[in-house]
Amino acid sequence: KRTFITSLIEAPRVAKRIIALAFDTSAIFFSIYVALGATNNHYSLFGASLYTDFSITVLFSLFIFIRFGFYRAIFRYMGLAAVFTIASGTALSTLVFSIASYFLATHFNWITILLYASVCLFSIGASRLVMIALIRSKYKQTRLPIAIYGAGFSGRELARALSQSNRYKVCAFIDDNPMLYRTEIDGIRVYPPATLEKIIRKFDITQILLAMPSETHARR
């Protein structure tokens, strides 16, 4: 069954960028509306200064967002670095809004600035986090369950790399070290080799990947 998420995933990249630009434009307008409306008694939705402030803030903010790579990142591959990028872009957008309001003689104070930054960050940042969660949950439904033999550094790096994959889902670590049994690494539990058959049945494991580079070829 074709869903909205499926249509979005399969849409051309240009279409996705246009949708993101349109949403961010609306988010900036809404942020200005809320910030000024809550702190300025003389504020009017139909005032000329609002549209001037909006136009300046949107143009410079979108330029900043584009330069920061907001529209180059693929949603399902966005990680913690993207969150810092969004926060930095929003901070600069807030600076633009403050400067534009100052030169347009728009009445504002620190609460206005804080409101704009909060609403803008939430609407732009949270919307992307929601989309990432929806898209990743869609891919998780079709990924093959696998286990990694070796919970050391190499195993952890392999699991982190595979977490970005659309093909595999790491369900368990298998390791010979008793100190690691019943612990979790990035949310993935470590099991002893004796439970291997049980783990295969429990998670319907299709493949077991070896991550033991220090072991001899015969041992592997």
N, C-alpha and C. Protein backbone atom coordinates (compact mmCIF):
# COMPACT_ATOMS: atom_id res chain seq x y z
N LYS A 1 0.84 -1.19 0.00
CA LYS A 1 0.00 0.00 0.00
C LYS A 1 0.88 1.25 0.00
N ARG A 2 0.57 2.17 -0.89
CA ARG A 2 1.37 3.38 -1.02
C ARG A 2 0.92 4.41 0.01
N THR A 3 1.84 4.90 0.81
CA THR A 3 1.53 5.88 1.85
C THR A 3 2.22 7.20 1.54
N PHE A 4 1.93 8.20 2.37
CA PHE A 4 2.56 9.51 2.20
C PHE A 4 4.07 9.40 2.35
N ILE A 5 4.52 8.61 3.35
CA ILE A 5 5.96 8.46 3.59
C ILE A 5 6.62 7.80 2.39
N THR A 6 5.96 6.77 1.83
CA THR A 6 6.51 6.10 0.65
C THR A 6 6.61 7.06 -0.52
N SER A 7 5.58 7.88 -0.73
CA SER A 7 5.59 8.86 -1.82
C SER A 7 6.70 9.88 -1.62
N LEU A 8 6.91 10.29 -0.36
CA LEU A 8 7.96 11.27 -0.08
C LEU A 8 9.33 10.67 -0.32
N ILE A 9 9.55 9.43 0.09
CA ILE A 9 10.83 8.76 -0.10
C ILE A 9 11.16 8.62 -1.57
N GLU A 10 10.14 8.28 -2.36
CA GLU A 10 10.35 8.02 -3.79
C GLU A 10 10.30 9.27 -4.64
N ALA A 11 9.96 10.41 -4.05
CA ALA A 11 9.89 11.66 -4.81
C ALA A 11 11.28 12.09 -5.27
N PRO A 12 11.37 12.80 -6.41
CA PRO A 12 12.68 13.30 -6.88
C PRO A 12 13.30 14.23 -5.83
N ARG A 13 14.61 14.27 -5.79
CA ARG A 13 15.30 15.08 -4.79
C ARG A 13 14.94 16.55 -4.91
N VAL A 14 14.74 17.03 -6.14
CA VAL A 14 14.37 18.44 -6.34
C VAL A 14 13.03 18.73 -5.67
N ALA A 15 12.09 17.80 -5.82
CA ALA A 15 10.77 17.98 -5.21
C ALA A 15 10.87 18.03 -3.69
N LYS A 16 11.73 17.17 -3.12
CA LYS A 16 11.92 17.16 -1.66
C LYS A 16 12.49 18.48 -1.18
N ARG A 17 13.44 19.04 -1.94
CA ARG A 17 14.05 20.31 -1.54
C ARG A 17 13.04 21.45 -1.63
N ILE A 18 12.19 21.42 -2.64
CA ILE A 18 11.16 22.46 -2.78
C ILE A 18 10.18 22.39 -1.61
N ILE A 19 9.79 21.17 -1.23
CA ILE A 19 8.88 20.99 -0.09
C ILE A 19 9.53 21.51 1.18
N ALA A 20 10.82 21.19 1.39
CA ALA A 20 11.54 21.64 2.58
C ALA A 20 11.66 23.16 2.61
N LEU A 21 11.96 23.77 1.46
CA LEU A 21 12.06 25.23 1.38
C LEU A 21 10.72 25.89 1.69
N ALA A 22 9.64 25.34 1.14
CA ALA A 22 8.31 25.89 1.37
C ALA A 22 7.93 25.77 2.84
N PHE A 23 8.25 24.64 3.44
CA PHE A 23 7.93 24.44 4.86
C PHE A 23 8.73 25.41 5.74
N ASP A 24 10.02 25.57 5.45
CA ASP A 24 10.85 26.46 6.25
C ASP A 24 10.38 27.91 6.12
N THR A 25 9.94 28.29 4.92
CA THR A 25 9.41 29.64 4.72
C THR A 25 8.19 29.86 5.60
N SER A 26 7.29 28.88 5.62
CA SER A 26 6.09 28.96 6.46
C SER A 26 6.46 28.99 7.94
N ALA A 27 7.48 28.20 8.31
CA ALA A 27 7.91 28.13 9.71
C ALA A 27 8.47 29.47 10.17
N ILE A 28 9.23 30.14 9.31
CA ILE A 28 9.80 31.45 9.67
C ILE A 28 8.69 32.49 9.83
N PHE A 29 7.73 32.49 8.90
CA PHE A 29 6.60 33.42 9.00
C PHE A 29 5.82 33.19 10.29
N PHE A 30 5.56 31.92 10.60
CA PHE A 30 4.82 31.58 11.81
C PHE A 30 5.59 32.00 13.06
N SER A 31 6.91 31.84 13.03
CA SER A 31 7.75 32.22 14.17
C SER A 31 7.70 33.73 14.41
N ILE A 32 7.76 34.51 13.32
CA ILE A 32 7.67 35.97 13.44
C ILE A 32 6.29 36.37 13.96
N TYR A 33 5.26 35.72 13.44
CA TYR A 33 3.88 36.01 13.83
C TYR A 33 3.68 35.78 15.33
N VAL A 34 4.17 34.64 15.81
CA VAL A 34 4.01 34.30 17.23
C VAL A 34 4.86 35.24 18.10
N ALA A 35 6.12 35.47 17.71
CA ALA A 35 7.03 36.29 18.52
C ALA A 35 6.54 37.72 18.66
N LEU A 36 6.15 38.34 17.55
CA LEU A 36 5.68 39.73 17.60
C LEU A 36 4.28 39.83 18.18
N GLY A 37 3.43 38.87 17.85
CA GLY A 37 2.06 38.89 18.34
C GLY A 37 1.96 38.76 19.85
N ALA A 38 2.92 38.04 20.44
CA ALA A 38 2.88 37.81 21.88
C ALA A 38 3.53 38.93 22.70
N THR A 39 4.35 39.76 22.04
CA THR A 39 5.11 40.76 22.80
C THR A 39 4.91 42.20 22.33
N ASN A 40 4.18 42.40 21.24
CA ASN A 40 4.01 43.75 20.69
C ASN A 40 2.52 44.08 20.63
N ASN A 41 2.06 45.01 21.49
CA ASN A 41 0.64 45.38 21.53
C ASN A 41 0.19 46.11 20.27
N HIS A 42 1.14 46.72 19.54
CA HIS A 42 0.79 47.48 18.34
C HIS A 42 0.99 46.64 17.06
N TYR A 43 1.20 45.38 17.26
CA TYR A 43 1.48 44.48 16.14
C TYR A 43 0.21 44.22 15.34
N SER A 44 0.32 44.22 14.02
CA SER A 44 -0.82 43.95 13.14
C SER A 44 -0.41 42.95 12.07
N LEU A 45 -1.25 41.96 11.86
CA LEU A 45 -0.97 40.95 10.84
C LEU A 45 -0.89 41.57 9.45
N PHE A 46 -1.59 42.68 9.26
CA PHE A 46 -1.65 43.30 7.95
C PHE A 46 -0.73 44.52 7.83
N GLY A 47 0.13 44.71 8.82
CA GLY A 47 1.03 45.85 8.78
C GLY A 47 2.14 45.67 7.76
N ALA A 48 2.54 46.77 7.13
CA ALA A 48 3.58 46.71 6.10
C ALA A 48 4.92 46.29 6.69
N SER A 49 5.17 46.69 7.95
CA SER A 49 6.45 46.36 8.57
C SER A 49 6.61 44.86 8.78
N LEU A 50 5.46 44.19 9.02
CA LEU A 50 5.52 42.74 9.22
C LEU A 50 6.02 42.05 7.96
N TYR A 51 5.47 42.44 6.82
CA TYR A 51 5.86 41.79 5.57
C TYR A 51 7.28 42.15 5.17
N THR A 52 7.70 43.37 5.50
CA THR A 52 9.09 43.74 5.22
C THR A 52 10.03 42.92 6.10
N ASP A 53 9.68 42.84 7.38
CA ASP A 53 10.47 42.05 8.33
C ASP A 53 10.50 40.59 7.88
N PHE A 54 9.35 40.09 7.50
CA PHE A 54 9.24 38.71 7.04
C PHE A 54 10.10 38.46 5.81
N SER A 55 10.01 39.37 4.82
CA SER A 55 10.75 39.19 3.57
C SER A 55 12.26 39.17 3.80
N ILE A 56 12.73 40.13 4.61
CA ILE A 56 14.17 40.20 4.90
C ILE A 56 14.64 38.96 5.64
N THR A 57 13.88 38.58 6.67
CA THR A 57 14.26 37.43 7.49
C THR A 57 14.26 36.14 6.68
N VAL A 58 13.23 35.95 5.85
CA VAL A 58 13.13 34.73 5.04
C VAL A 58 14.26 34.65 4.03
N LEU A 59 14.51 35.72 3.31
CA LEU A 59 15.53 35.70 2.26
C LEU A 59 16.92 35.38 2.83
N PHE A 60 17.28 36.09 3.89
CA PHE A 60 18.60 35.86 4.48
C PHE A 60 18.67 34.51 5.20
N SER A 61 17.57 34.12 5.85
CA SER A 61 17.56 32.84 6.57
C SER A 61 17.68 31.67 5.60
N LEU A 62 16.92 31.71 4.51
CA LEU A 62 17.01 30.62 3.53
C LEU A 62 18.39 30.56 2.89
N PHE A 63 18.99 31.73 2.67
CA PHE A 63 20.36 31.75 2.13
C PHE A 63 21.31 31.08 3.12
N ILE A 64 21.13 31.39 4.41
CA ILE A 64 21.97 30.76 5.45
C ILE A 64 21.73 29.25 5.50
N PHE A 65 20.46 28.85 5.44
CA PHE A 65 20.13 27.43 5.49
C PHE A 65 20.74 26.67 4.31
N ILE A 66 20.68 27.30 3.15
CA ILE A 66 21.25 26.66 1.95
C ILE A 66 22.75 26.52 2.09
N ARG A 67 23.39 27.58 2.58
CA ARG A 67 24.85 27.54 2.77
C ARG A 67 25.27 26.52 3.81
N PHE A 68 24.41 26.30 4.81
CA PHE A 68 24.69 25.33 5.86
C PHE A 68 24.38 23.90 5.42
N GLY A 69 23.80 23.75 4.24
CA GLY A 69 23.52 22.41 3.73
C GLY A 69 22.22 21.80 4.24
N PHE A 70 21.26 22.63 4.64
CA PHE A 70 19.98 22.12 5.13
C PHE A 70 19.29 21.22 4.10
N TYR A 71 19.45 21.55 2.83
CA TYR A 71 18.68 20.87 1.79
C TYR A 71 19.51 19.88 0.99
N ARG A 72 20.76 19.66 1.42
CA ARG A 72 21.58 18.65 0.77
C ARG A 72 21.49 17.31 1.49
N ALA A 73 21.26 17.37 2.82
CA ALA A 73 21.23 16.14 3.62
C ALA A 73 20.01 15.29 3.27
N ILE A 74 20.21 13.98 3.23
CA ILE A 74 19.12 13.03 3.02
C ILE A 74 18.55 12.69 4.39
N PHE A 75 17.23 12.82 4.54
CA PHE A 75 16.60 12.71 5.86
C PHE A 75 17.01 11.46 6.63
N ARG A 76 16.99 10.30 5.96
CA ARG A 76 17.22 9.06 6.71
C ARG A 76 18.67 8.90 7.15
N TYR A 77 19.59 9.73 6.60
CA TYR A 77 20.99 9.64 6.99
C TYR A 77 21.41 10.75 7.94
N MET A 78 20.46 11.62 8.30
CA MET A 78 20.79 12.73 9.18
C MET A 78 21.06 12.22 10.59
N GLY A 79 22.11 12.75 11.22
CA GLY A 79 22.46 12.33 12.56
C GLY A 79 22.61 13.50 13.49
N LEU A 80 23.44 13.31 14.54
CA LEU A 80 23.62 14.34 15.55
C LEU A 80 24.24 15.60 14.98
N ALA A 81 25.13 15.45 14.00
CA ALA A 81 25.77 16.63 13.39
C ALA A 81 24.73 17.52 12.73
N ALA A 82 23.69 16.92 12.15
CA ALA A 82 22.64 17.69 11.49
C ALA A 82 21.85 18.51 12.51
N VAL A 83 21.69 17.99 13.73
CA VAL A 83 20.98 18.71 14.78
C VAL A 83 21.74 19.99 15.14
N PHE A 84 23.05 19.90 15.25
CA PHE A 84 23.87 21.08 15.55
C PHE A 84 23.82 22.07 14.38
N THR A 85 23.77 21.56 13.15
CA THR A 85 23.67 22.43 11.98
C THR A 85 22.37 23.21 11.99
N ILE A 86 21.28 22.53 12.30
CA ILE A 86 19.97 23.17 12.36
C ILE A 86 19.95 24.22 13.47
N ALA A 87 20.53 23.89 14.63
CA ALA A 87 20.57 24.85 15.74
C ALA A 87 21.40 26.08 15.37
N SER A 88 22.52 25.87 14.69
CA SER A 88 23.37 27.00 14.27
C SER A 88 22.65 27.87 13.24
N GLY A 89 21.99 27.23 12.28
CA GLY A 89 21.25 27.98 11.27
C GLY A 89 20.12 28.78 11.88
N THR A 90 19.43 28.20 12.85
CA THR A 90 18.34 28.90 13.53
C THR A 90 18.87 30.09 14.33
N ALA A 91 20.03 29.93 14.94
CA ALA A 91 20.64 31.03 15.71
C ALA A 91 20.96 32.21 14.80
N LEU A 92 21.50 31.93 13.61
CA LEU A 92 21.80 33.01 12.66
C LEU A 92 20.52 33.63 12.12
N SER A 93 19.49 32.81 11.92
CA SER A 93 18.20 33.33 11.47
C SER A 93 17.62 34.27 12.52
N THR A 94 17.80 33.93 13.78
CA THR A 94 17.34 34.79 14.88
C THR A 94 18.09 36.12 14.88
N LEU A 95 19.38 36.06 14.58
CA LEU A 95 20.18 37.29 14.49
C LEU A 95 19.67 38.18 13.36
N VAL A 96 19.36 37.57 12.22
CA VAL A 96 18.82 38.32 11.08
C VAL A 96 17.49 38.97 11.46
N PHE A 97 16.63 38.22 12.12
CA PHE A 97 15.33 38.75 12.55
C PHE A 97 15.52 39.93 13.50
N SER A 98 16.47 39.83 14.40
CA SER A 98 16.72 40.90 15.37
C SER A 98 17.21 42.16 14.68
N ILE A 99 18.14 42.01 13.74
CA ILE A 99 18.69 43.16 13.02
C ILE A 99 17.62 43.82 12.16
N ALA A 100 16.82 42.97 11.46
CA ALA A 100 15.75 43.52 10.61
C ALA A 100 14.73 44.27 11.45
N SER A 101 14.36 43.72 12.59
CA SER A 101 13.38 44.38 13.46
C SER A 101 13.92 45.70 14.00
N TYR A 102 15.22 45.72 14.30
CA TYR A 102 15.83 46.94 14.83
C TYR A 102 15.81 48.07 13.79
N PHE A 103 16.21 47.77 12.57
CA PHE A 103 16.27 48.81 11.53
C PHE A 103 14.89 49.21 11.03
N LEU A 104 13.90 48.33 11.19
CA LEU A 104 12.54 48.67 10.79
C LEU A 104 11.77 49.32 11.93
N ALA A 105 12.46 49.55 13.05
CA ALA A 105 11.86 50.20 14.23
C ALA A 105 10.67 49.42 14.75
N THR A 106 10.73 48.11 14.62
CA THR A 106 9.68 47.24 15.17
C THR A 106 9.92 47.06 16.66
N HIS A 107 8.86 47.25 17.43
CA HIS A 107 9.01 47.11 18.88
C HIS A 107 9.27 45.64 19.23
N PHE A 108 10.40 45.38 19.88
CA PHE A 108 10.70 44.01 20.29
C PHE A 108 11.61 44.05 21.51
N ASN A 109 11.69 42.94 22.21
CA ASN A 109 12.56 42.83 23.37
C ASN A 109 13.18 41.44 23.39
N TRP A 110 13.87 41.11 24.47
CA TRP A 110 14.56 39.82 24.52
C TRP A 110 13.57 38.65 24.50
N ILE A 111 12.35 38.88 25.01
CA ILE A 111 11.33 37.81 24.98
C ILE A 111 10.91 37.54 23.53
N THR A 112 10.82 38.62 22.74
CA THR A 112 10.49 38.46 21.32
C THR A 112 11.53 37.59 20.62
N ILE A 113 12.80 37.89 20.88
CA ILE A 113 13.90 37.15 20.26
C ILE A 113 13.89 35.69 20.72
N LEU A 114 13.67 35.49 22.02
CA LEU A 114 13.65 34.13 22.56
C LEU A 114 12.49 33.32 21.99
N LEU A 115 11.33 33.98 21.86
CA LEU A 115 10.17 33.30 21.28
C LEU A 115 10.42 32.92 19.83
N TYR A 116 10.99 33.85 19.07
CA TYR A 116 11.27 33.56 17.66
C TYR A 116 12.23 32.37 17.54
N ALA A 117 13.30 32.40 18.32
CA ALA A 117 14.30 31.33 18.26
C ALA A 117 13.69 29.99 18.65
N SER A 118 12.88 29.98 19.70
CA SER A 118 12.28 28.74 20.19
C SER A 118 11.30 28.15 19.18
N VAL A 119 10.41 28.99 18.67
CA VAL A 119 9.40 28.50 17.72
C VAL A 119 10.05 28.06 16.42
N CYS A 120 11.03 28.84 15.97
CA CYS A 120 11.72 28.52 14.71
C CYS A 120 12.49 27.19 14.85
N LEU A 121 13.22 27.05 15.95
CA LEU A 121 13.99 25.83 16.17
C LEU A 121 13.08 24.63 16.29
N PHE A 122 11.98 24.79 17.02
CA PHE A 122 11.06 23.67 17.20
C PHE A 122 10.39 23.28 15.89
N SER A 123 9.88 24.27 15.15
CA SER A 123 9.14 23.96 13.93
C SER A 123 10.05 23.37 12.85
N ILE A 124 11.25 23.92 12.69
CA ILE A 124 12.17 23.43 11.67
C ILE A 124 12.89 22.16 12.12
N GLY A 125 13.38 22.19 13.37
CA GLY A 125 14.13 21.04 13.87
C GLY A 125 13.25 19.84 14.16
N ALA A 126 12.16 20.06 14.88
CA ALA A 126 11.29 18.95 15.26
C ALA A 126 10.64 18.30 14.04
N SER A 127 10.30 19.12 13.05
CA SER A 127 9.68 18.55 11.85
C SER A 127 10.62 17.58 11.15
N ARG A 128 11.90 17.93 11.12
CA ARG A 128 12.89 17.04 10.49
C ARG A 128 13.11 15.79 11.32
N LEU A 129 13.13 15.93 12.64
CA LEU A 129 13.30 14.75 13.49
C LEU A 129 12.12 13.80 13.35
N VAL A 130 10.92 14.35 13.22
CA VAL A 130 9.73 13.51 13.03
C VAL A 130 9.82 12.77 11.69
N MET A 131 10.22 13.49 10.65
CA MET A 131 10.35 12.86 9.33
C MET A 131 11.42 11.78 9.34
N ILE A 132 12.53 12.04 10.03
CA ILE A 132 13.59 11.04 10.12
C ILE A 132 13.06 9.78 10.80
N ALA A 133 12.33 9.97 11.90
CA ALA A 133 11.78 8.82 12.64
C ALA A 133 10.80 8.03 11.78
N LEU A 134 9.93 8.73 11.04
CA LEU A 134 8.94 8.05 10.20
C LEU A 134 9.60 7.29 9.06
N ILE A 135 10.59 7.92 8.44
CA ILE A 135 11.27 7.28 7.31
C ILE A 135 12.08 6.08 7.78
N ARG A 136 12.78 6.24 8.90
CA ARG A 136 13.58 5.12 9.40
C ARG A 136 12.70 3.96 9.85
N SER A 137 11.53 4.27 10.45
CA SER A 137 10.62 3.20 10.86
C SER A 137 10.08 2.46 9.64
N LYS A 138 9.92 3.20 8.54
CA LYS A 138 9.47 2.57 7.31
C LYS A 138 10.53 1.60 6.79
N TYR A 139 11.79 2.01 6.83
CA TYR A 139 12.86 1.15 6.35
C TYR A 139 13.10 -0.03 7.27
N LYS A 140 12.88 0.15 8.58
CA LYS A 140 13.10 -0.94 9.52
C LYS A 140 12.17 -2.12 9.25
N GLN A 141 11.01 -1.85 8.68
CA GLN A 141 10.06 -2.91 8.40
C GLN A 141 10.55 -3.85 7.32
N THR A 142 11.49 -3.42 6.50
CA THR A 142 11.95 -4.24 5.38
C THR A 142 13.41 -4.67 5.52
N ARG A 143 14.08 -4.31 6.61
CA ARG A 143 15.49 -4.65 6.76
C ARG A 143 15.68 -6.08 7.25
N LEU A 144 16.77 -6.71 6.82
CA LEU A 144 17.07 -8.08 7.18
C LEU A 144 17.70 -8.14 8.57
N PRO A 145 17.20 -8.98 9.47
CA PRO A 145 17.78 -9.09 10.81
C PRO A 145 19.10 -9.87 10.78
N ILE A 146 20.14 -9.32 11.38
CA ILE A 146 21.44 -9.96 11.40
C ILE A 146 22.04 -9.87 12.80
N ALA A 147 23.10 -10.65 13.05
CA ALA A 147 23.85 -10.59 14.30
C ALA A 147 25.32 -10.35 13.96
N ILE A 148 26.03 -9.77 14.89
CA ILE A 148 27.47 -9.51 14.71
C ILE A 148 28.23 -10.32 15.74
N TYR A 149 29.16 -11.14 15.27
CA TYR A 149 30.01 -11.92 16.17
C TYR A 149 31.27 -11.10 16.47
N GLY A 150 31.32 -10.60 17.69
CA GLY A 150 32.42 -9.71 18.08
C GLY A 150 31.86 -8.37 18.52
N ALA A 151 31.94 -8.09 19.82
CA ALA A 151 31.39 -6.84 20.36
C ALA A 151 32.48 -5.85 20.73
N GLY A 152 33.66 -6.03 20.15
CA GLY A 152 34.75 -5.10 20.39
C GLY A 152 34.61 -3.84 19.56
N PHE A 153 35.72 -3.14 19.40
CA PHE A 153 35.70 -1.87 18.65
C PHE A 153 35.20 -2.08 17.22
N SER A 154 35.72 -3.11 16.54
CA SER A 154 35.33 -3.36 15.15
C SER A 154 33.85 -3.70 15.04
N GLY A 155 33.35 -4.50 15.99
CA GLY A 155 31.93 -4.85 15.98
C GLY A 155 31.03 -3.66 16.18
N ARG A 156 31.46 -2.78 17.08
CA ARG A 156 30.66 -1.58 17.35
C ARG A 156 30.64 -0.64 16.15
N GLU A 157 31.80 -0.47 15.53
CA GLU A 157 31.86 0.38 14.33
C GLU A 157 31.02 -0.19 13.21
N LEU A 158 31.05 -1.52 13.06
CA LEU A 158 30.25 -2.18 12.02
C LEU A 158 28.77 -1.97 12.30
N ALA A 159 28.36 -2.11 13.56
CA ALA A 159 26.95 -1.93 13.92
C ALA A 159 26.50 -0.50 13.65
N ARG A 160 27.37 0.46 13.96
CA ARG A 160 27.00 1.86 13.73
C ARG A 160 26.90 2.17 12.23
N ALA A 161 27.77 1.56 11.46
CA ALA A 161 27.70 1.77 10.01
C ALA A 161 26.43 1.14 9.44
N LEU A 162 26.09 -0.05 9.93
CA LEU A 162 24.91 -0.74 9.43
C LEU A 162 23.61 -0.08 9.89
N SER A 163 23.68 0.70 10.98
CA SER A 163 22.47 1.37 11.46
C SER A 163 21.98 2.40 10.45
N GLN A 164 22.87 2.83 9.56
CA GLN A 164 22.50 3.78 8.50
C GLN A 164 22.06 3.07 7.23
N SER A 165 22.09 1.75 7.27
CA SER A 165 21.76 0.97 6.07
C SER A 165 20.26 0.74 5.96
N ASN A 166 19.79 0.64 4.73
CA ASN A 166 18.39 0.33 4.47
C ASN A 166 18.18 -1.18 4.34
N ARG A 167 19.26 -1.95 4.40
CA ARG A 167 19.18 -3.37 4.10
C ARG A 167 19.26 -4.25 5.34
N TYR A 168 20.05 -3.85 6.35
CA TYR A 168 20.29 -4.71 7.50
C TYR A 168 19.85 -4.04 8.82
N LYS A 169 19.42 -4.89 9.76
CA LYS A 169 19.10 -4.45 11.11
C LYS A 169 19.87 -5.35 12.08
N VAL A 170 20.77 -4.75 12.86
CA VAL A 170 21.56 -5.52 13.82
C VAL A 170 20.69 -5.81 15.05
N CYS A 171 20.45 -7.09 15.31
CA CYS A 171 19.58 -7.48 16.42
C CYS A 171 20.34 -7.93 17.65
N ALA A 172 21.58 -8.39 17.46
CA ALA A 172 22.33 -8.93 18.61
C ALA A 172 23.83 -8.95 18.33
N PHE A 173 24.60 -8.83 19.41
CA PHE A 173 26.04 -9.09 19.38
C PHE A 173 26.30 -10.46 20.00
N ILE A 174 27.24 -11.20 19.44
CA ILE A 174 27.72 -12.45 20.03
C ILE A 174 29.18 -12.25 20.37
N ASP A 175 29.58 -12.58 21.61
CA ASP A 175 30.97 -12.36 22.00
C ASP A 175 31.41 -13.41 23.01
N ASP A 176 32.73 -13.71 22.99
CA ASP A 176 33.30 -14.72 23.89
C ASP A 176 33.62 -14.16 25.27
N ASN A 177 33.60 -12.85 25.42
CA ASN A 177 33.98 -12.22 26.68
C ASN A 177 32.82 -12.25 27.68
N PRO A 178 32.95 -13.03 28.78
CA PRO A 178 31.85 -13.12 29.77
C PRO A 178 31.50 -11.78 30.41
N MET A 179 32.45 -10.85 30.44
CA MET A 179 32.21 -9.55 31.05
C MET A 179 31.18 -8.73 30.27
N LEU A 180 30.97 -9.08 29.01
CA LEU A 180 30.04 -8.32 28.17
C LEU A 180 28.64 -8.91 28.14
N TYR A 181 28.48 -10.13 28.66
CA TYR A 181 27.18 -10.78 28.60
C TYR A 181 26.12 -9.97 29.34
N ARG A 182 24.96 -9.89 28.74
CA ARG A 182 23.80 -9.17 29.29
C ARG A 182 23.97 -7.64 29.30
N THR A 183 25.04 -7.16 28.71
CA THR A 183 25.19 -5.71 28.57
C THR A 183 24.63 -5.28 27.21
N GLU A 184 24.50 -3.98 27.02
CA GLU A 184 24.00 -3.46 25.74
C GLU A 184 24.98 -2.45 25.18
N ILE A 185 25.14 -2.49 23.88
CA ILE A 185 26.01 -1.55 23.17
C ILE A 185 25.15 -0.83 22.14
N ASP A 186 24.97 0.47 22.34
CA ASP A 186 24.09 1.27 21.45
C ASP A 186 22.71 0.64 21.33
N GLY A 187 22.22 0.09 22.45
CA GLY A 187 20.88 -0.49 22.46
C GLY A 187 20.80 -1.92 21.95
N ILE A 188 21.94 -2.53 21.63
CA ILE A 188 21.97 -3.90 21.10
C ILE A 188 22.58 -4.81 22.17
N ARG A 189 21.90 -5.86 22.53
CA ARG A 189 22.35 -6.72 23.63
C ARG A 189 23.45 -7.69 23.18
N VAL A 190 24.34 -8.00 24.13
CA VAL A 190 25.45 -8.93 23.87
C VAL A 190 25.09 -10.30 24.46
N TYR A 191 25.25 -11.36 23.65
CA TYR A 191 24.91 -12.71 24.06
C TYR A 191 26.14 -13.62 23.98
N PRO A 192 26.18 -14.68 24.78
CA PRO A 192 27.29 -15.65 24.70
C PRO A 192 27.10 -16.57 23.50
N PRO A 193 28.18 -17.16 22.98
CA PRO A 193 28.09 -18.05 21.81
C PRO A 193 27.16 -19.25 22.04
N ALA A 194 27.04 -19.70 23.29
CA ALA A 194 26.20 -20.87 23.58
C ALA A 194 24.73 -20.63 23.26
N THR A 195 24.33 -19.37 23.19
CA THR A 195 22.92 -19.05 22.92
C THR A 195 22.67 -18.74 21.45
N LEU A 196 23.64 -19.02 20.60
CA LEU A 196 23.56 -18.62 19.20
C LEU A 196 22.31 -19.16 18.51
N GLU A 197 22.05 -20.46 18.67
CA GLU A 197 20.88 -21.05 18.01
C GLU A 197 19.59 -20.42 18.51
N LYS A 198 19.53 -20.15 19.81
CA LYS A 198 18.35 -19.52 20.38
C LYS A 198 18.14 -18.11 19.82
N ILE A 199 19.25 -17.39 19.67
CA ILE A 199 19.18 -16.02 19.12
C ILE A 199 18.71 -16.04 17.67
N ILE A 200 19.21 -17.00 16.92
CA ILE A 200 18.82 -17.12 15.51
C ILE A 200 17.31 -17.33 15.39
N ARG A 201 16.77 -18.20 16.24
CA ARG A 201 15.33 -18.45 16.20
C ARG A 201 14.53 -17.25 16.71
N LYS A 202 15.04 -16.62 17.77
CA LYS A 202 14.31 -15.50 18.38
C LYS A 202 14.15 -14.32 17.44
N PHE A 203 15.23 -13.96 16.76
CA PHE A 203 15.20 -12.77 15.88
C PHE A 203 15.06 -13.12 14.40
N ASP A 204 14.99 -14.42 14.11
CA ASP A 204 14.93 -14.86 12.71
C ASP A 204 16.14 -14.34 11.93
N ILE A 205 17.34 -14.52 12.54
CA ILE A 205 18.58 -14.02 11.96
C ILE A 205 18.85 -14.66 10.60
N THR A 206 19.19 -13.84 9.62
CA THR A 206 19.48 -14.34 8.28
C THR A 206 20.98 -14.45 8.00
N GLN A 207 21.76 -13.60 8.70
CA GLN A 207 23.22 -13.62 8.50
C GLN A 207 23.92 -13.29 9.82
N ILE A 208 25.14 -13.84 9.96
CA ILE A 208 25.99 -13.49 11.09
C ILE A 208 27.29 -12.94 10.52
N LEU A 209 27.59 -11.68 10.86
CA LEU A 209 28.79 -11.03 10.35
C LEU A 209 29.91 -11.12 11.39
N LEU A 210 31.10 -11.47 10.95
CA LEU A 210 32.25 -11.58 11.85
C LEU A 210 32.97 -10.24 11.96
N ALA A 211 33.23 -9.83 13.19
CA ALA A 211 33.97 -8.58 13.44
C ALA A 211 35.08 -8.88 14.44
N MET A 212 36.01 -9.72 14.02
CA MET A 212 37.12 -10.14 14.89
C MET A 212 38.42 -10.05 14.10
N PRO A 213 38.87 -8.85 13.79
CA PRO A 213 40.07 -8.70 12.94
C PRO A 213 41.34 -9.23 13.57
N SER A 214 41.41 -9.31 14.91
CA SER A 214 42.62 -9.76 15.58
C SER A 214 42.73 -11.30 15.64
N GLU A 215 41.63 -11.99 15.34
CA GLU A 215 41.64 -13.44 15.37
C GLU A 215 42.33 -14.01 14.13
N THR A 216 42.87 -15.21 14.27
CA THR A 216 43.51 -15.87 13.11
C THR A 216 42.44 -16.29 12.11
N HIS A 217 42.90 -16.54 10.90
CA HIS A 217 41.97 -16.98 9.86
C HIS A 217 41.32 -18.31 10.25
N ALA A 218 42.09 -19.22 10.85
CA ALA A 218 41.56 -20.50 11.24
C ALA A 218 40.48 -20.34 12.32
N ARG A 219 40.73 -19.45 13.28
CA ARG A 219 39.78 -19.19 14.37
C ARG A 219 38.48 -18.62 13.82
N ARG A 220 38.58 -17.71 12.86
CA ARG A 220 37.38 -17.12 12.27
C ARG A 220 36.61 -18.15 11.46
